[in-house]
Amino acid sequence: MIKKTRQSAVADKDSFLASSSSLLDNHFDEILETTEEIAGLIAILKTLSPTDAKRDEYEGQLYVALTHLDHHVKPAIKEWNRVVDLMPEN
């Protein structure tokens, strides 16, 4: 498994991109971690031949990582839309 190399930075309170909740911040961290894992798995798969015995294992890990990403992206988008809806029209 590919390990997370960084954690999301905390934005200033006046920043437009400051997370609106700890839940949204958690989703951002999970999205970053999972995209790093996906990139690593894709890099590994690109080096393997189609007949390599380990290919099935890495493809399975990639499927799990993509599913995990989907699990965090959908609620993050929902929360982001909620935040945007609360913003003033100006």
PDB file of N, CA and C in Angstrom:
ATOM      1  N   MET A   1       0.846  -1.179   0.000  1.00  0.00           N
ATOM      2  CA  MET A   1       0.000   0.000   0.000  1.00  0.00           C
ATOM      3  C   MET A   1       0.889   1.239   0.000  1.00  0.00           C
ATOM      4  N   ILE A   2       0.453   2.240  -0.688  1.00  0.00           N
ATOM      5  CA  ILE A   2       1.199   3.496  -0.782  1.00  0.00           C
ATOM      6  C   ILE A   2       0.756   4.402   0.352  1.00  0.00           C
ATOM      7  N   LYS A   3       1.697   4.915   1.082  1.00  0.00           N
ATOM      8  CA  LYS A   3       1.390   5.731   2.264  1.00  0.00           C
ATOM      9  C   LYS A   3       1.225   7.203   1.907  1.00  0.00           C
ATOM     10  N   LYS A   4       0.433   7.893   2.704  1.00  0.00           N
ATOM     11  CA  LYS A   4       0.210   9.328   2.543  1.00  0.00           C
ATOM     12  C   LYS A   4       1.505  10.075   2.817  1.00  0.00           C
ATOM     13  N   THR A   5       1.803  11.064   1.964  1.00  0.00           N
ATOM     14  CA  THR A   5       3.036  11.817   2.135  1.00  0.00           C
ATOM     15  C   THR A   5       2.818  13.191   2.730  1.00  0.00           C
ATOM     16  N   ARG A   6       1.584  13.656   2.740  1.00  0.00           N
ATOM     17  CA  ARG A   6       1.336  14.989   3.297  1.00  0.00           C
ATOM     18  C   ARG A   6      -0.090  15.074   3.827  1.00  0.00           C
ATOM     19  N   GLN A   7      -0.344  16.120   4.560  1.00  0.00           N
ATOM     20  CA  GLN A   7      -1.667  16.396   5.091  1.00  0.00           C
ATOM     21  C   GLN A   7      -2.075  17.769   4.581  1.00  0.00           C
ATOM     22  N   SER A   8      -3.371  17.980   4.420  1.00  0.00           N
ATOM     23  CA  SER A   8      -3.807  19.256   3.880  1.00  0.00           C
ATOM     24  C   SER A   8      -3.400  20.398   4.812  1.00  0.00           C
ATOM     25  N   ALA A   9      -3.053  21.502   4.205  1.00  0.00           N
ATOM     26  CA  ALA A   9      -2.654  22.684   4.968  1.00  0.00           C
ATOM     27  C   ALA A   9      -3.894  23.377   5.511  1.00  0.00           C
ATOM     28  N   VAL A  10      -3.752  23.996   6.638  1.00  0.00           N
ATOM     29  CA  VAL A  10      -4.859  24.741   7.225  1.00  0.00           C
ATOM     30  C   VAL A  10      -4.891  26.117   6.584  1.00  0.00           C
ATOM     31  N   ALA A  11      -6.034  26.485   6.022  1.00  0.00           N
ATOM     32  CA  ALA A  11      -6.168  27.778   5.356  1.00  0.00           C
ATOM     33  C   ALA A  11      -6.484  28.857   6.380  1.00  0.00           C
ATOM     34  N   ASP A  12      -6.150  30.090   6.034  1.00  0.00           N
ATOM     35  CA  ASP A  12      -6.511  31.227   6.881  1.00  0.00           C
ATOM     36  C   ASP A  12      -8.028  31.324   6.969  1.00  0.00           C
ATOM     37  N   LYS A  13      -8.529  31.867   8.062  1.00  0.00           N
ATOM     38  CA  LYS A  13      -9.968  31.985   8.239  1.00  0.00           C
ATOM     39  C   LYS A  13     -10.613  32.872   7.181  1.00  0.00           C
ATOM     40  N   ASP A  14      -9.873  33.828   6.636  1.00  0.00           N
ATOM     41  CA  ASP A  14     -10.411  34.712   5.618  1.00  0.00           C
ATOM     42  C   ASP A  14     -10.317  34.117   4.216  1.00  0.00           C
ATOM     43  N   SER A  15      -9.691  32.971   4.086  1.00  0.00           N
ATOM     44  CA  SER A  15      -9.500  32.347   2.788  1.00  0.00           C
ATOM     45  C   SER A  15     -10.816  31.773   2.276  1.00  0.00           C
ATOM     46  N   PHE A  16     -11.029  31.892   0.978  1.00  0.00           N
ATOM     47  CA  PHE A  16     -12.212  31.322   0.336  1.00  0.00           C
ATOM     48  C   PHE A  16     -12.217  29.804   0.452  1.00  0.00           C
ATOM     49  N   LEU A  17     -11.026  29.203   0.508  1.00  0.00           N
ATOM     50  CA  LEU A  17     -10.927  27.752   0.512  1.00  0.00           C
ATOM     51  C   LEU A  17     -10.841  27.140   1.905  1.00  0.00           C
ATOM     52  N   ALA A  18     -11.072  27.916   2.931  1.00  0.00           N
ATOM     53  CA  ALA A  18     -11.083  27.358   4.280  1.00  0.00           C
ATOM     54  C   ALA A  18     -12.243  26.378   4.386  1.00  0.00           C
ATOM     55  N   SER A  19     -11.959  25.196   4.928  1.00  0.00           N
ATOM     56  CA  SER A  19     -13.037  24.216   5.024  1.00  0.00           C
ATOM     57  C   SER A  19     -14.088  24.700   6.015  1.00  0.00           C
ATOM     58  N   SER A  20     -15.333  24.394   5.697  1.00  0.00           N
ATOM     59  CA  SER A  20     -16.437  24.875   6.513  1.00  0.00           C
ATOM     60  C   SER A  20     -16.702  23.986   7.722  1.00  0.00           C
ATOM     61  N   SER A  21     -16.095  22.823   7.742  1.00  0.00           N
ATOM     62  CA  SER A  21     -16.324  21.908   8.849  1.00  0.00           C
ATOM     63  C   SER A  21     -15.180  20.907   8.930  1.00  0.00           C
ATOM     64  N   SER A  22     -15.065  20.266  10.076  1.00  0.00           N
ATOM     65  CA  SER A  22     -14.045  19.235  10.223  1.00  0.00           C
ATOM     66  C   SER A  22     -14.351  18.047   9.319  1.00  0.00           C
ATOM     67  N   LEU A  23     -15.623  17.806   9.043  1.00  0.00           N
ATOM     68  CA  LEU A  23     -16.009  16.723   8.139  1.00  0.00           C
ATOM     69  C   LEU A  23     -15.475  16.983   6.734  1.00  0.00           C
ATOM     70  N   LEU A  24     -15.641  18.212   6.241  1.00  0.00           N
ATOM     71  CA  LEU A  24     -15.136  18.563   4.922  1.00  0.00           C
ATOM     72  C   LEU A  24     -13.614  18.472   4.905  1.00  0.00           C
ATOM     73  N   ASP A  25     -12.956  18.924   5.961  1.00  0.00           N
ATOM     74  CA  ASP A  25     -11.504  18.839   6.052  1.00  0.00           C
ATOM     75  C   ASP A  25     -11.046  17.384   5.995  1.00  0.00           C
ATOM     76  N   ASN A  26     -11.759  16.501   6.662  1.00  0.00           N
ATOM     77  CA  ASN A  26     -11.443  15.073   6.633  1.00  0.00           C
ATOM     78  C   ASN A  26     -11.577  14.526   5.215  1.00  0.00           C
ATOM     79  N   HIS A  27     -12.636  14.916   4.511  1.00  0.00           N
ATOM     80  CA  HIS A  27     -12.807  14.461   3.130  1.00  0.00           C
ATOM     81  C   HIS A  27     -11.654  14.954   2.259  1.00  0.00           C
ATOM     82  N   PHE A  28     -11.230  16.202   2.443  1.00  0.00           N
ATOM     83  CA  PHE A  28     -10.099  16.735   1.674  1.00  0.00           C
ATOM     84  C   PHE A  28      -8.841  15.907   1.926  1.00  0.00           C
ATOM     85  N   ASP A  29      -8.560  15.588   3.197  1.00  0.00           N
ATOM     86  CA  ASP A  29      -7.394  14.772   3.525  1.00  0.00           C
ATOM     87  C   ASP A  29      -7.475  13.393   2.866  1.00  0.00           C
ATOM     88  N   GLU A  30      -8.647  12.779   2.932  1.00  0.00           N
ATOM     89  CA  GLU A  30      -8.832  11.457   2.329  1.00  0.00           C
ATOM     90  C   GLU A  30      -8.690  11.511   0.808  1.00  0.00           C
ATOM     91  N   ILE A  31      -9.204  12.577   0.186  1.00  0.00           N
ATOM     92  CA  ILE A  31      -9.088  12.736  -1.264  1.00  0.00           C
ATOM     93  C   ILE A  31      -7.620  12.865  -1.658  1.00  0.00           C
ATOM     94  N   LEU A  32      -6.870  13.687  -0.936  1.00  0.00           N
ATOM     95  CA  LEU A  32      -5.430  13.834  -1.224  1.00  0.00           C
ATOM     96  C   LEU A  32      -4.691  12.513  -1.062  1.00  0.00           C
ATOM     97  N   GLU A  33      -4.948  11.827   0.042  1.00  0.00           N
ATOM     98  CA  GLU A  33      -4.277  10.563   0.309  1.00  0.00           C
ATOM     99  C   GLU A  33      -4.606   9.532  -0.769  1.00  0.00           C
ATOM    100  N   THR A  34      -5.853   9.454  -1.132  1.00  0.00           N
ATOM    101  CA  THR A  34      -6.283   8.443  -2.093  1.00  0.00           C
ATOM    102  C   THR A  34      -5.774   8.740  -3.497  1.00  0.00           C
ATOM    103  N   THR A  35      -5.741  10.012  -3.882  1.00  0.00           N
ATOM    104  CA  THR A  35      -5.213  10.337  -5.214  1.00  0.00           C
ATOM    105  C   THR A  35      -3.716  10.024  -5.290  1.00  0.00           C
ATOM    106  N   GLU A  36      -2.997  10.208  -4.197  1.00  0.00           N
ATOM    107  CA  GLU A  36      -1.585   9.823  -4.172  1.00  0.00           C
ATOM    108  C   GLU A  36      -1.455   8.307  -4.352  1.00  0.00           C
ATOM    109  N   GLU A  37      -2.302   7.564  -3.680  1.00  0.00           N
ATOM    110  CA  GLU A  37      -2.269   6.106  -3.802  1.00  0.00           C
ATOM    111  C   GLU A  37      -2.608   5.680  -5.227  1.00  0.00           C
ATOM    112  N   ILE A  38      -3.628   6.308  -5.815  1.00  0.00           N
ATOM    113  CA  ILE A  38      -4.021   5.979  -7.189  1.00  0.00           C
ATOM    114  C   ILE A  38      -2.878   6.270  -8.157  1.00  0.00           C
ATOM    115  N   ALA A  39      -2.241   7.412  -8.012  1.00  0.00           N
ATOM    116  CA  ALA A  39      -1.121   7.755  -8.892  1.00  0.00           C
ATOM    117  C   ALA A  39       0.004   6.725  -8.773  1.00  0.00           C
ATOM    118  N   GLY A  40       0.283   6.298  -7.567  1.00  0.00           N
ATOM    119  CA  GLY A  40       1.323   5.286  -7.357  1.00  0.00           C
ATOM    120  C   GLY A  40       0.967   3.952  -7.987  1.00  0.00           C
ATOM    121  N   LEU A  41      -0.280   3.538  -7.824  1.00  0.00           N
ATOM    122  CA  LEU A  41      -0.717   2.268  -8.401  1.00  0.00           C
ATOM    123  C   LEU A  41      -0.699   2.314  -9.925  1.00  0.00           C
ATOM    124  N   ILE A  42      -1.113   3.433 -10.493  1.00  0.00           N
ATOM    125  CA  ILE A  42      -1.078   3.576 -11.950  1.00  0.00           C
ATOM    126  C   ILE A  42       0.359   3.511 -12.451  1.00  0.00           C
ATOM    127  N   ALA A  43       1.277   4.165 -11.738  1.00  0.00           N
ATOM    128  CA  ALA A  43       2.689   4.122 -12.127  1.00  0.00           C
ATOM    129  C   ALA A  43       3.219   2.689 -12.102  1.00  0.00           C
ATOM    130  N   ILE A  44       2.842   1.948 -11.089  1.00  0.00           N
ATOM    131  CA  ILE A  44       3.271   0.546 -11.002  1.00  0.00           C
ATOM    132  C   ILE A  44       2.674  -0.259 -12.147  1.00  0.00           C
ATOM    133  N   LEU A  45       1.376  -0.094 -12.383  1.00  0.00           N
ATOM    134  CA  LEU A  45       0.715  -0.853 -13.443  1.00  0.00           C
ATOM    135  C   LEU A  45       1.297  -0.550 -14.819  1.00  0.00           C
ATOM    136  N   LYS A  46       1.740   0.675 -15.047  1.00  0.00           N
ATOM    137  CA  LYS A  46       2.332   1.033 -16.342  1.00  0.00           C
ATOM    138  C   LYS A  46       3.648   0.308 -16.589  1.00  0.00           C
ATOM    139  N   THR A  47       4.317  -0.102 -15.519  1.00  0.00           N
ATOM    140  CA  THR A  47       5.599  -0.799 -15.679  1.00  0.00           C
ATOM    141  C   THR A  47       5.425  -2.305 -15.826  1.00  0.00           C
ATOM    142  N   LEU A  48       4.265  -2.835 -15.481  1.00  0.00           N
ATOM    143  CA  LEU A  48       4.050  -4.277 -15.530  1.00  0.00           C
ATOM    144  C   LEU A  48       3.556  -4.718 -16.908  1.00  0.00           C
ATOM    145  N   SER A  49       3.982  -5.894 -17.303  1.00  0.00           N
ATOM    146  CA  SER A  49       3.472  -6.454 -18.560  1.00  0.00           C
ATOM    147  C   SER A  49       2.047  -6.969 -18.325  1.00  0.00           C
ATOM    148  N   PRO A  50       1.262  -7.069 -19.376  1.00  0.00           N
ATOM    149  CA  PRO A  50      -0.118  -7.566 -19.209  1.00  0.00           C
ATOM    150  C   PRO A  50      -0.200  -8.967 -18.618  1.00  0.00           C
ATOM    151  N   THR A  51       0.860  -9.729 -18.695  1.00  0.00           N
ATOM    152  CA  THR A  51       0.844 -11.100 -18.177  1.00  0.00           C
ATOM    153  C   THR A  51       1.507 -11.243 -16.812  1.00  0.00           C
ATOM    154  N   ASP A  52       1.953 -10.138 -16.229  1.00  0.00           N
ATOM    155  CA  ASP A  52       2.618 -10.192 -14.929  1.00  0.00           C
ATOM    156  C   ASP A  52       1.664 -10.756 -13.875  1.00  0.00           C
ATOM    157  N   ALA A  53       2.177 -11.641 -13.037  1.00  0.00           N
ATOM    158  CA  ALA A  53       1.365 -12.305 -12.007  1.00  0.00           C
ATOM    159  C   ALA A  53       0.823 -11.326 -10.965  1.00  0.00           C
ATOM    160  N   LYS A  54       1.508 -10.209 -10.745  1.00  0.00           N
ATOM    161  CA  LYS A  54       1.073  -9.248  -9.722  1.00  0.00           C
ATOM    162  C   LYS A  54       0.059  -8.238 -10.255  1.00  0.00           C
ATOM    163  N   ARG A  55      -0.177  -8.245 -11.570  1.00  0.00           N
ATOM    164  CA  ARG A  55      -1.057  -7.251 -12.169  1.00  0.00           C
ATOM    165  C   ARG A  55      -2.469  -7.298 -11.561  1.00  0.00           C
ATOM    166  N   ASP A  56      -3.018  -8.479 -11.376  1.00  0.00           N
ATOM    167  CA  ASP A  56      -4.360  -8.600 -10.792  1.00  0.00           C
ATOM    168  C   ASP A  56      -4.427  -7.979  -9.397  1.00  0.00           C
ATOM    169  N   GLU A  57      -3.386  -8.189  -8.609  1.00  0.00           N
ATOM    170  CA  GLU A  57      -3.349  -7.631  -7.253  1.00  0.00           C
ATOM    171  C   GLU A  57      -3.378  -6.096  -7.295  1.00  0.00           C
ATOM    172  N   TYR A  58      -2.535  -5.506  -8.152  1.00  0.00           N
ATOM    173  CA  TYR A  58      -2.484  -4.047  -8.253  1.00  0.00           C
ATOM    174  C   TYR A  58      -3.765  -3.469  -8.866  1.00  0.00           C
ATOM    175  N   GLU A  59      -4.339  -4.167  -9.820  1.00  0.00           N
ATOM    176  CA  GLU A  59      -5.602  -3.699 -10.398  1.00  0.00           C
ATOM    177  C   GLU A  59      -6.715  -3.742  -9.356  1.00  0.00           C
ATOM    178  N   GLY A  60      -6.698  -4.754  -8.513  1.00  0.00           N
ATOM    179  CA  GLY A  60      -7.671  -4.835  -7.427  1.00  0.00           C
ATOM    180  C   GLY A  60      -7.497  -3.697  -6.439  1.00  0.00           C
ATOM    181  N   GLN A  61      -6.255  -3.386  -6.099  1.00  0.00           N
ATOM    182  CA  GLN A  61      -5.973  -2.266  -5.193  1.00  0.00           C
ATOM    183  C   GLN A  61      -6.402  -0.944  -5.821  1.00  0.00           C
ATOM    184  N   LEU A  62      -6.213  -0.814  -7.132  1.00  0.00           N
ATOM    185  CA  LEU A  62      -6.635   0.404  -7.829  1.00  0.00           C
ATOM    186  C   LEU A  62      -8.149   0.541  -7.788  1.00  0.00           C
ATOM    187  N   TYR A  63      -8.865  -0.549  -8.000  1.00  0.00           N
ATOM    188  CA  TYR A  63     -10.330  -0.506  -7.933  1.00  0.00           C
ATOM    189  C   TYR A  63     -10.795  -0.078  -6.543  1.00  0.00           C
ATOM    190  N   VAL A  64     -10.187  -0.633  -5.513  1.00  0.00           N
ATOM    191  CA  VAL A  64     -10.544  -0.276  -4.138  1.00  0.00           C
ATOM    192  C   VAL A  64     -10.263   1.207  -3.887  1.00  0.00           C
ATOM    193  N   ALA A  65      -9.116   1.696  -4.348  1.00  0.00           N
ATOM    194  CA  ALA A  65      -8.753   3.106  -4.148  1.00  0.00           C
ATOM    195  C   ALA A  65      -9.724   4.025  -4.892  1.00  0.00           C
ATOM    196  N   LEU A  66     -10.104   3.656  -6.109  1.00  0.00           N
ATOM    197  CA  LEU A  66     -11.061   4.473  -6.866  1.00  0.00           C
ATOM    198  C   LEU A  66     -12.426   4.502  -6.183  1.00  0.00           C
ATOM    199  N   THR A  67     -12.836   3.374  -5.641  1.00  0.00           N
ATOM    200  CA  THR A  67     -14.105   3.311  -4.906  1.00  0.00           C
ATOM    201  C   THR A  67     -14.031   4.163  -3.652  1.00  0.00           C
ATOM    202  N   HIS A  68     -12.896   4.113  -2.965  1.00  0.00           N
ATOM    203  CA  HIS A  68     -12.696   4.918  -1.759  1.00  0.00           C
ATOM    204  C   HIS A  68     -12.732   6.408  -2.110  1.00  0.00           C
ATOM    205  N   LEU A  69     -12.109   6.775  -3.216  1.00  0.00           N
ATOM    206  CA  LEU A  69     -12.129   8.165  -3.674  1.00  0.00           C
ATOM    207  C   LEU A  69     -13.560   8.619  -3.932  1.00  0.00           C
ATOM    208  N   ASP A  70     -14.328   7.797  -4.604  1.00  0.00           N
ATOM    209  CA  ASP A  70     -15.730   8.109  -4.883  1.00  0.00           C
ATOM    210  C   ASP A  70     -16.511   8.311  -3.584  1.00  0.00           C
ATOM    211  N   HIS A  71     -16.204   7.505  -2.582  1.00  0.00           N
ATOM    212  CA  HIS A  71     -16.866   7.589  -1.283  1.00  0.00           C
ATOM    213  C   HIS A  71     -16.636   8.938  -0.597  1.00  0.00           C
ATOM    214  N   HIS A  72     -15.492   9.566  -0.864  1.00  0.00           N
ATOM    215  CA  HIS A  72     -15.185  10.856  -0.230  1.00  0.00           C
ATOM    216  C   HIS A  72     -15.489  12.054  -1.120  1.00  0.00           C
ATOM    217  N   VAL A  73     -15.437  11.871  -2.434  1.00  0.00           N
ATOM    218  CA  VAL A  73     -15.681  12.993  -3.340  1.00  0.00           C
ATOM    219  C   VAL A  73     -17.147  13.415  -3.307  1.00  0.00           C
ATOM    220  N   LYS A  74     -18.049  12.473  -3.345  1.00  0.00           N
ATOM    221  CA  LYS A  74     -19.480  12.816  -3.379  1.00  0.00           C
ATOM    222  C   LYS A  74     -19.921  13.631  -2.163  1.00  0.00           C
ATOM    223  N   PRO A  75     -19.596  13.207  -0.937  1.00  0.00           N
ATOM    224  CA  PRO A  75     -19.997  14.034   0.206  1.00  0.00           C
ATOM    225  C   PRO A  75     -19.251  15.368   0.269  1.00  0.00           C
ATOM    226  N   ALA A  76     -18.003  15.408  -0.224  1.00  0.00           N
ATOM    227  CA  ALA A  76     -17.268  16.676  -0.242  1.00  0.00           C
ATOM    228  C   ALA A  76     -17.933  17.666  -1.196  1.00  0.00           C
ATOM    229  N   ILE A  77     -18.384  17.184  -2.340  1.00  0.00           N
ATOM    230  CA  ILE A  77     -19.095  18.057  -3.284  1.00  0.00           C
ATOM    231  C   ILE A  77     -20.408  18.538  -2.686  1.00  0.00           C
ATOM    232  N   LYS A  78     -21.100  17.652  -2.018  1.00  0.00           N
ATOM    233  CA  LYS A  78     -22.368  18.038  -1.374  1.00  0.00           C
ATOM    234  C   LYS A  78     -22.137  19.133  -0.333  1.00  0.00           C
ATOM    235  N   GLU A  79     -21.100  18.968   0.487  1.00  0.00           N
ATOM    236  CA  GLU A  79     -20.777  19.967   1.508  1.00  0.00           C
ATOM    237  C   GLU A  79     -20.314  21.261   0.854  1.00  0.00           C
ATOM    238  N   TRP A  80     -19.520  21.162  -0.193  1.00  0.00           N
ATOM    239  CA  TRP A  80     -19.050  22.356  -0.892  1.00  0.00           C
ATOM    240  C   TRP A  80     -20.239  23.134  -1.450  1.00  0.00           C
ATOM    241  N   ASN A  81     -21.197  22.443  -2.056  1.00  0.00           N
ATOM    242  CA  ASN A  81     -22.400  23.105  -2.579  1.00  0.00           C
ATOM    243  C   ASN A  81     -23.179  23.804  -1.474  1.00  0.00           C
ATOM    244  N   ARG A  82     -23.233  23.183  -0.297  1.00  0.00           N
ATOM    245  CA  ARG A  82     -23.909  23.785   0.840  1.00  0.00           C
ATOM    246  C   ARG A  82     -23.228  25.099   1.219  1.00  0.00           C
ATOM    247  N   VAL A  83     -21.897  25.099   1.240  1.00  0.00           N
ATOM    248  CA  VAL A  83     -21.137  26.291   1.589  1.00  0.00           C
ATOM    249  C   VAL A  83     -21.380  27.390   0.564  1.00  0.00           C
ATOM    250  N   VAL A  84     -21.351  27.033  -0.709  1.00  0.00           N
ATOM    251  CA  VAL A  84     -21.568  28.028  -1.765  1.00  0.00           C
ATOM    252  C   VAL A  84     -22.972  28.593  -1.675  1.00  0.00           C
ATOM    253  N   ASP A  85     -23.948  27.769  -1.371  1.00  0.00           N
ATOM    254  CA  ASP A  85     -25.335  28.247  -1.234  1.00  0.00           C
ATOM    255  C   ASP A  85     -25.488  29.244  -0.089  1.00  0.00           C
ATOM    256  N   LEU A  86     -24.648  29.164   0.927  1.00  0.00           N
ATOM    257  CA  LEU A  86     -24.707  30.073   2.052  1.00  0.00           C
ATOM    258  C   LEU A  86     -24.005  31.408   1.794  1.00  0.00           C
ATOM    259  N   MET A  87     -23.240  31.474   0.700  1.00  0.00           N
ATOM    260  CA  MET A  87     -22.496  32.696   0.389  1.00  0.00           C
ATOM    261  C   MET A  87     -23.445  33.787  -0.111  1.00  0.00           C
ATOM    262  N   PRO A  88     -23.107  35.045   0.174  1.00  0.00           N
ATOM    263  CA  PRO A  88     -23.934  36.147  -0.327  1.00  0.00           C
ATOM    264  C   PRO A  88     -23.889  36.193  -1.855  1.00  0.00           C
ATOM    265  N   GLU A  89     -24.934  36.695  -2.454  1.00  0.00           N
ATOM    266  CA  GLU A  89     -25.052  36.753  -3.911  1.00  0.00           C
ATOM    267  C   GLU A  89     -24.026  37.679  -4.553  1.00  0.00           C
ATOM    268  N   ASN A  90     -23.552  38.681  -3.846  1.00  0.00           N
ATOM    269  CA  ASN A  90     -22.638  39.679  -4.433  1.00  0.00           C
ATOM    270  C   ASN A  90     -21.352  39.044  -4.743  1.00  0.00           C
TER     271      ASN A  90
END
